[in-house]
Structures are given as structure tokens and as C-alpha cells.
PDB file of N, CA and C in Angstrom:
ATOM      1  N   UNK A   1       3.185 -41.746  22.746  1.00  0.00           N
ATOM      2  CA  UNK A   1       3.614 -40.298  22.963  1.00  0.00           C
ATOM      3  C   UNK A   1       4.753 -40.144  21.685  1.00  0.00           C
ATOM      4  N   UNK A   2       5.351 -40.861  21.635  1.00  0.00           N
ATOM      5  CA  UNK A   2       6.002 -40.656  20.084  1.00  0.00           C
ATOM      6  C   UNK A   2       6.173 -39.860  18.651  1.00  0.00           C
ATOM      7  N   UNK A   3       4.377 -40.579  18.180  1.00  0.00           N
ATOM      8  CA  UNK A   3       3.451 -39.956  17.062  1.00  0.00           C
ATOM      9  C   UNK A   3       3.731 -38.243  17.133  1.00  0.00           C
ATOM     10  N   UNK A   4       2.425 -38.393  18.806  1.00  0.00           N
ATOM     11  CA  UNK A   4       2.390 -36.845  18.714  1.00  0.00           C
ATOM     12  C   UNK A   4       3.362 -35.702  18.655  1.00  0.00           C
ATOM     13  N   UNK A   5       4.489 -36.670  19.646  1.00  0.00           N
ATOM     14  CA  UNK A   5       5.801 -35.415  19.094  1.00  0.00           C
ATOM     15  C   UNK A   5       5.754 -35.081  17.923  1.00  0.00           C
ATOM     16  N   UNK A   6       5.826 -36.192  16.839  1.00  0.00           N
ATOM     17  CA  UNK A   6       6.588 -36.194  16.008  1.00  0.00           C
ATOM     18  C   UNK A   6       5.596 -34.998  15.241  1.00  0.00           C
ATOM     19  N   UNK A   7       4.137 -35.471  15.119  1.00  0.00           N
ATOM     20  CA  UNK A   7       3.262 -34.460  14.265  1.00  0.00           C
ATOM     21  C   UNK A   7       3.355 -33.411  15.021  1.00  0.00           C
ATOM     22  N   UNK A   8       3.168 -32.830  16.107  1.00  0.00           N
ATOM     23  CA  UNK A   8       3.616 -31.576  15.935  1.00  0.00           C
ATOM     24  C   UNK A   8       4.765 -30.868  15.601  1.00  0.00           C
ATOM     25  N   UNK A   9       5.507 -31.701  15.839  1.00  0.00           N
ATOM     26  CA  UNK A   9       7.406 -31.016  14.872  1.00  0.00           C
ATOM     27  C   UNK A   9       7.019 -30.884  13.380  1.00  0.00           C
ATOM     28  N   UNK A  10       5.862 -31.971  12.679  1.00  0.00           N
ATOM     29  CA  UNK A  10       5.690 -31.181  11.470  1.00  0.00           C
ATOM     30  C   UNK A  10       5.263 -29.959  11.226  1.00  0.00           C
ATOM     31  N   UNK A  11       3.855 -30.288  11.837  1.00  0.00           N
ATOM     32  CA  UNK A  11       2.555 -28.948  12.554  1.00  0.00           C
ATOM     33  C   UNK A  11       3.319 -27.494  12.356  1.00  0.00           C
ATOM     34  N   UNK A  12       4.631 -27.745  13.435  1.00  0.00           N
ATOM     35  CA  UNK A  12       5.428 -26.023  13.707  1.00  0.00           C
ATOM     36  C   UNK A  12       6.183 -26.302  12.317  1.00  0.00           C
ATOM     37  N   UNK A  13       7.126 -27.341  11.553  1.00  0.00           N
ATOM     38  CA  UNK A  13       7.489 -26.890  10.663  1.00  0.00           C
ATOM     39  C   UNK A  13       6.505 -26.206   9.859  1.00  0.00           C
ATOM     40  N   UNK A  14       5.517 -25.904   9.681  1.00  0.00           N
ATOM     41  CA  UNK A  14       4.480 -25.917   8.350  1.00  0.00           C
ATOM     42  C   UNK A  14       3.761 -24.487   8.924  1.00  0.00           C
ATOM     43  N   UNK A  15       3.991 -24.215  10.260  1.00  0.00           N
ATOM     44  CA  UNK A  15       3.210 -22.982  10.441  1.00  0.00           C
ATOM     45  C   UNK A  15       4.451 -22.364  10.719  1.00  0.00           C
ATOM     46  N   UNK A  16       6.154 -22.800  10.248  1.00  0.00           N
ATOM     47  CA  UNK A  16       7.140 -21.395  10.674  1.00  0.00           C
ATOM     48  C   UNK A  16       7.164 -21.337   9.035  1.00  0.00           C
ATOM     49  N   UNK A  17       7.168 -22.036   7.378  1.00  0.00           N
ATOM     50  CA  UNK A  17       7.197 -21.754   6.611  1.00  0.00           C
ATOM     51  C   UNK A  17       6.164 -20.810   6.667  1.00  0.00           C
ATOM     52  N   UNK A  18       5.233 -21.469   7.031  1.00  0.00           N
ATOM     53  CA  UNK A  18       3.556 -19.801   6.881  1.00  0.00           C
ATOM     54  C   UNK A  18       3.941 -18.897   7.497  1.00  0.00           C
ATOM     55  N   UNK A  19       4.805 -19.236   8.401  1.00  0.00           N
ATOM     56  CA  UNK A  19       4.671 -17.864   8.501  1.00  0.00           C
ATOM     57  C   UNK A  19       5.403 -16.773   7.813  1.00  0.00           C
ATOM     58  N   UNK A  20       6.892 -17.480   7.470  1.00  0.00           N
ATOM     59  CA  UNK A  20       7.692 -16.966   6.535  1.00  0.00           C
ATOM     60  C   UNK A  20       7.593 -16.187   5.549  1.00  0.00           C
ATOM     61  N   UNK A  21       6.274 -16.643   4.957  1.00  0.00           N
ATOM     62  CA  UNK A  21       6.244 -16.703   3.512  1.00  0.00           C
ATOM     63  C   UNK A  21       5.090 -15.133   3.593  1.00  0.00           C
ATOM     64  N   UNK A  22       4.074 -15.660   5.120  1.00  0.00           N
ATOM     65  CA  UNK A  22       3.212 -14.256   5.305  1.00  0.00           C
ATOM     66  C   UNK A  22       4.624 -13.019   5.671  1.00  0.00           C
ATOM     67  N   UNK A  23       5.603 -13.383   6.247  1.00  0.00           N
ATOM     68  CA  UNK A  23       6.177 -11.672   6.097  1.00  0.00           C
ATOM     69  C   UNK A  23       7.235 -11.573   5.083  1.00  0.00           C
ATOM     70  N   UNK A  24       7.524 -12.089   4.274  1.00  0.00           N
ATOM     71  CA  UNK A  24       6.983 -12.011   2.772  1.00  0.00           C
ATOM     72  C   UNK A  24       6.702 -11.255   1.719  1.00  0.00           C
ATOM     73  N   UNK A  25       5.586 -11.610   2.192  1.00  0.00           N
ATOM     74  CA  UNK A  25       3.901 -10.776   1.537  1.00  0.00           C
ATOM     75  C   UNK A  25       3.424  -9.775   2.365  1.00  0.00           C
ATOM     76  N   UNK A  26       4.055  -9.883   3.550  1.00  0.00           N
ATOM     77  CA  UNK A  26       4.087  -8.479   4.462  1.00  0.00           C
ATOM     78  C   UNK A  26       4.889  -7.294   3.883  1.00  0.00           C
ATOM     79  N   UNK A  27       5.607  -7.697   3.868  1.00  0.00           N
ATOM     80  CA  UNK A  27       7.264  -6.993   3.269  1.00  0.00           C
ATOM     81  C   UNK A  27       6.705  -6.417   1.597  1.00  0.00           C
ATOM     82  N   UNK A  28       6.306  -7.419   0.682  1.00  0.00           N
ATOM     83  CA  UNK A  28       6.576  -7.113  -0.896  1.00  0.00           C
ATOM     84  C   UNK A  28       4.762  -6.402  -0.815  1.00  0.00           C
ATOM     85  N   UNK A  29       4.644  -5.786   0.053  1.00  0.00           N
ATOM     86  CA  UNK A  29       2.369  -5.115   0.432  1.00  0.00           C
ATOM     87  C   UNK A  29       2.952  -4.398   0.342  1.00  0.00           C
ATOM     88  N   UNK A  30       4.137  -3.272   1.970  1.00  0.00           N
ATOM     89  CA  UNK A  30       4.405  -2.687   2.206  1.00  0.00           C
ATOM     90  C   UNK A  30       5.462  -1.856   1.686  1.00  0.00           C
ATOM     91  N   UNK A  31       6.182  -2.404   0.222  1.00  0.00           N
ATOM     92  CA  UNK A  31       6.652  -1.476  -0.961  1.00  0.00           C
ATOM     93  C   UNK A  31       6.082  -1.686  -1.566  1.00  0.00           C
ATOM     94  N   UNK A  32       5.214  -2.044  -2.249  1.00  0.00           N
ATOM     95  CA  UNK A  32       4.517  -1.755  -3.220  1.00  0.00           C
ATOM     96  C   UNK A  32       3.578  -0.641  -2.254  1.00  0.00           C
ATOM     97  N   UNK A  33       3.388  -0.023  -1.222  1.00  0.00           N
ATOM     98  CA  UNK A  33       2.594   0.739  -1.144  1.00  0.00           C
ATOM     99  C   UNK A  33       2.588   1.814  -0.903  1.00  0.00           C
ATOM    100  N   UNK A  34       4.814   1.857  -0.459  1.00  0.00           N
ATOM    101  CA  UNK A  34       5.316   2.742  -0.469  1.00  0.00           C
ATOM    102  C   UNK A  34       5.663   3.389  -2.085  1.00  0.00           C
ATOM    103  N   UNK A  35       5.476   2.565  -2.918  1.00  0.00           N
ATOM    104  CA  UNK A  35       5.484   3.128  -4.412  1.00  0.00           C
ATOM    105  C   UNK A  35       4.549   3.862  -4.768  1.00  0.00           C
ATOM    106  N   UNK A  36       3.362   3.551  -4.147  1.00  0.00           N
ATOM    107  CA  UNK A  36       2.434   3.550  -5.021  1.00  0.00           C
ATOM    108  C   UNK A  36       1.752   5.433  -4.816  1.00  0.00           C
ATOM    109  N   UNK A  37       2.841   5.057  -3.058  1.00  0.00           N
ATOM    110  CA  UNK A  37       2.473   7.077  -2.525  1.00  0.00           C
ATOM    111  C   UNK A  37       3.087   7.763  -3.200  1.00  0.00           C
ATOM    112  N   UNK A  38       4.459   7.421  -3.265  1.00  0.00           N
ATOM    113  CA  UNK A  38       5.603   8.268  -4.103  1.00  0.00           C
ATOM    114  C   UNK A  38       4.638   8.663  -5.680  1.00  0.00           C
ATOM    115  N   UNK A  39       4.054   7.903  -6.244  1.00  0.00           N
ATOM    116  CA  UNK A  39       3.090   7.669  -7.494  1.00  0.00           C
ATOM    117  C   UNK A  39       2.532   8.876  -7.450  1.00  0.00           C
ATOM    118  N   UNK A  40       1.555   8.791  -5.757  1.00  0.00           N
ATOM    119  CA  UNK A  40       0.430   9.533  -6.170  1.00  0.00           C
ATOM    120  C   UNK A  40       0.793  11.186  -5.442  1.00  0.00           C
ATOM    121  N   UNK A  41       2.024  10.941  -4.274  1.00  0.00           N
ATOM    122  CA  UNK A  41       2.414  12.328  -4.478  1.00  0.00           C
ATOM    123  C   UNK A  41       2.830  13.144  -5.375  1.00  0.00           C
ATOM    124  N   UNK A  42       3.780  12.084  -6.462  1.00  0.00           N
ATOM    125  CA  UNK A  42       3.985  13.140  -8.056  1.00  0.00           C
ATOM    126  C   UNK A  42       3.683  13.239  -8.294  1.00  0.00           C
ATOM    127  N   UNK A  43       2.338  12.858  -8.671  1.00  0.00           N
ATOM    128  CA  UNK A  43       1.297  13.297  -9.561  1.00  0.00           C
ATOM    129  C   UNK A  43       0.623  13.993  -9.190  1.00  0.00           C
ATOM    130  N   UNK A  44       0.492  14.092  -7.515  1.00  0.00           N
ATOM    131  CA  UNK A  44      -0.209  15.635  -7.241  1.00  0.00           C
ATOM    132  C   UNK A  44       0.569  16.853  -7.339  1.00  0.00           C
ATOM    133  N   UNK A  45       1.846  17.142  -7.319  1.00  0.00           N
ATOM    134  CA  UNK A  45       2.524  17.761  -7.594  1.00  0.00           C
ATOM    135  C   UNK A  45       3.159  18.080  -9.097  1.00  0.00           C
ATOM    136  N   UNK A  46       2.635  17.410  -9.935  1.00  0.00           N
ATOM    137  CA  UNK A  46       3.032  17.538 -11.267  1.00  0.00           C
ATOM    138  C   UNK A  46       0.625  17.969 -11.797  1.00  0.00           C
ATOM    139  N   UNK A  47       0.071  17.922 -11.020  1.00  0.00           N
ATOM    140  CA  UNK A  47      -1.675  18.536 -11.648  1.00  0.00           C
ATOM    141  C   UNK A  47      -1.069  19.208 -10.628  1.00  0.00           C
ATOM    142  N   UNK A  48      -1.134  20.074  -9.773  1.00  0.00           N
ATOM    143  CA  UNK A  48      -0.323  21.209  -9.456  1.00  0.00           C
ATOM    144  C   UNK A  48       0.280  22.401  -9.859  1.00  0.00           C
ATOM    145  N   UNK A  49       0.991  21.979 -10.386  1.00  0.00           N
ATOM    146  CA  UNK A  49       2.085  22.181 -11.349  1.00  0.00           C
ATOM    147  C   UNK A  49       1.135  22.919 -12.365  1.00  0.00           C
ATOM    148  N   UNK A  50       0.312  22.001 -13.766  1.00  0.00           N
ATOM    149  CA  UNK A  50      -0.506  22.193 -14.105  1.00  0.00           C
ATOM    150  C   UNK A  50      -1.393  23.370 -14.366  1.00  0.00           C
ATOM    151  N   UNK A  51      -2.128  23.562 -13.771  1.00  0.00           N
ATOM    152  CA  UNK A  51      -2.866  24.257 -13.264  1.00  0.00           C
ATOM    153  C   UNK A  51      -2.612  25.303 -13.467  1.00  0.00           C
ATOM    154  N   UNK A  52      -2.797  26.544 -13.996  1.00  0.00           N
ATOM    155  CA  UNK A  52      -2.785  27.943 -14.027  1.00  0.00           C
ATOM    156  C   UNK A  52      -3.332  28.156 -12.357  1.00  0.00           C
ATOM    157  N   UNK A  53      -2.463  29.594 -11.746  1.00  0.00           N
ATOM    158  CA  UNK A  53      -2.861  30.054 -10.571  1.00  0.00           C
ATOM    159  C   UNK A  53      -3.992  31.000  -9.891  1.00  0.00           C
ATOM    160  N   UNK A  54      -4.847  31.299 -11.472  1.00  0.00           N
ATOM    161  CA  UNK A  54      -5.960  31.612 -11.089  1.00  0.00           C
ATOM    162  C   UNK A  54      -7.072  30.213 -10.529  1.00  0.00           C
ATOM    163  N   UNK A  55      -6.895  29.248 -10.975  1.00  0.00           N
ATOM    164  CA  UNK A  55      -7.848  27.961 -10.638  1.00  0.00           C
ATOM    165  C   UNK A  55      -7.570  27.475  -8.839  1.00  0.00           C
ATOM    166  N   UNK A  56      -6.920  28.058  -8.469  1.00  0.00           N
ATOM    167  CA  UNK A  56      -6.610  27.670  -6.980  1.00  0.00           C
ATOM    168  C   UNK A  56      -7.792  27.209  -5.686  1.00  0.00           C
ATOM    169  N   UNK A  57      -8.870  27.441  -6.323  1.00  0.00           N
ATOM    170  CA  UNK A  57      -9.947  26.903  -5.561  1.00  0.00           C
ATOM    171  C   UNK A  57     -11.201  27.194  -5.783  1.00  0.00           C
ATOM    172  N   UNK A  58     -12.624  26.923  -5.201  1.00  0.00           N
ATOM    173  CA  UNK A  58     -13.672  26.842  -6.110  1.00  0.00           C
ATOM    174  C   UNK A  58     -14.438  28.665  -5.796  1.00  0.00           C
ATOM    175  N   UNK A  59     -13.504  29.614  -4.611  1.00  0.00           N
ATOM    176  CA  UNK A  59     -13.416  30.778  -4.466  1.00  0.00           C
ATOM    177  C   UNK A  59     -12.955  31.469  -6.318  1.00  0.00           C
ATOM    178  N   UNK A  60     -12.431  31.345  -7.061  1.00  0.00           N
ATOM    179  CA  UNK A  60     -12.165  31.636  -8.129  1.00  0.00           C
ATOM    180  C   UNK A  60     -13.170  31.228  -9.271  1.00  0.00           C
ATOM    181  N   UNK A  61     -13.775  30.343  -9.362  1.00  0.00           N
ATOM    182  CA  UNK A  61     -14.618  29.555  -9.961  1.00  0.00           C
ATOM    183  C   UNK A  61     -16.047  30.906 -10.584  1.00  0.00           C
ATOM    184  N   UNK A  62     -16.330  30.724 -11.549  1.00  0.00           N
ATOM    185  CA  UNK A  62     -17.837  31.032 -11.696  1.00  0.00           C
ATOM    186  C   UNK A  62     -19.321  30.338 -11.717  1.00  0.00           C
ATOM    187  N   UNK A  63     -19.752  30.942 -11.266  1.00  0.00           N
ATOM    188  CA  UNK A  63     -20.543  30.321 -10.468  1.00  0.00           C
ATOM    189  C   UNK A  63     -21.789  29.314 -12.119  1.00  0.00           C
ATOM    190  N   UNK A  64     -22.273  28.848 -11.838  1.00  0.00           N
ATOM    191  CA  UNK A  64     -23.103  28.227 -13.179  1.00  0.00           C
ATOM    192  C   UNK A  64     -24.204  28.830 -13.583  1.00  0.00           C
ATOM    193  N   UNK A  65     -25.194  30.011 -12.458  1.00  0.00           N
ATOM    194  CA  UNK A  65     -25.717  30.487 -13.150  1.00  0.00           C
ATOM    195  C   UNK A  65     -24.817  31.979 -14.193  1.00  0.00           C
ATOM    196  N   UNK A  66     -23.760  31.945 -14.191  1.00  0.00           N
ATOM    197  CA  UNK A  66     -23.724  33.373 -14.516  1.00  0.00           C
ATOM    198  C   UNK A  66     -23.529  33.070 -16.550  1.00  0.00           C
TER     199      UNK A  66
END
């Protein structure tokens, strides 16, 4: 009985360490996702500002057969 309890305590310790590491990984990935979303938003704004006003969409494009 004592050895089983010891084994369970060891497994619990490893499980807690793994859970903490996974939590750190998820938190780091969430920060990276937030940074990538910010960069994407900035790039979209930069692209929109660099396009001339007459190229707002396909309605202003000349069809290819002209």
C-alpha cells in the first residue's frame, strides 16, 4: 500500500509539472497570436492607405476584354 501511494504521489508531481508547462506554452502562444493579429491589422491599414481611392473595389476595375 505504501509503494502504491508513493507511486501515485510521483505521478501527481509529474502531472502538475506538465500542466504548468502546458499553461506557460498556451500563454506564450496566446501572446504570439495577439502580436500577429496586431501586425496583420497594421499591415491592412498600411495597404489601405497606400491604395489610390479609385481602386476601392472590383466595380472600378476595367474588364479584361477592354
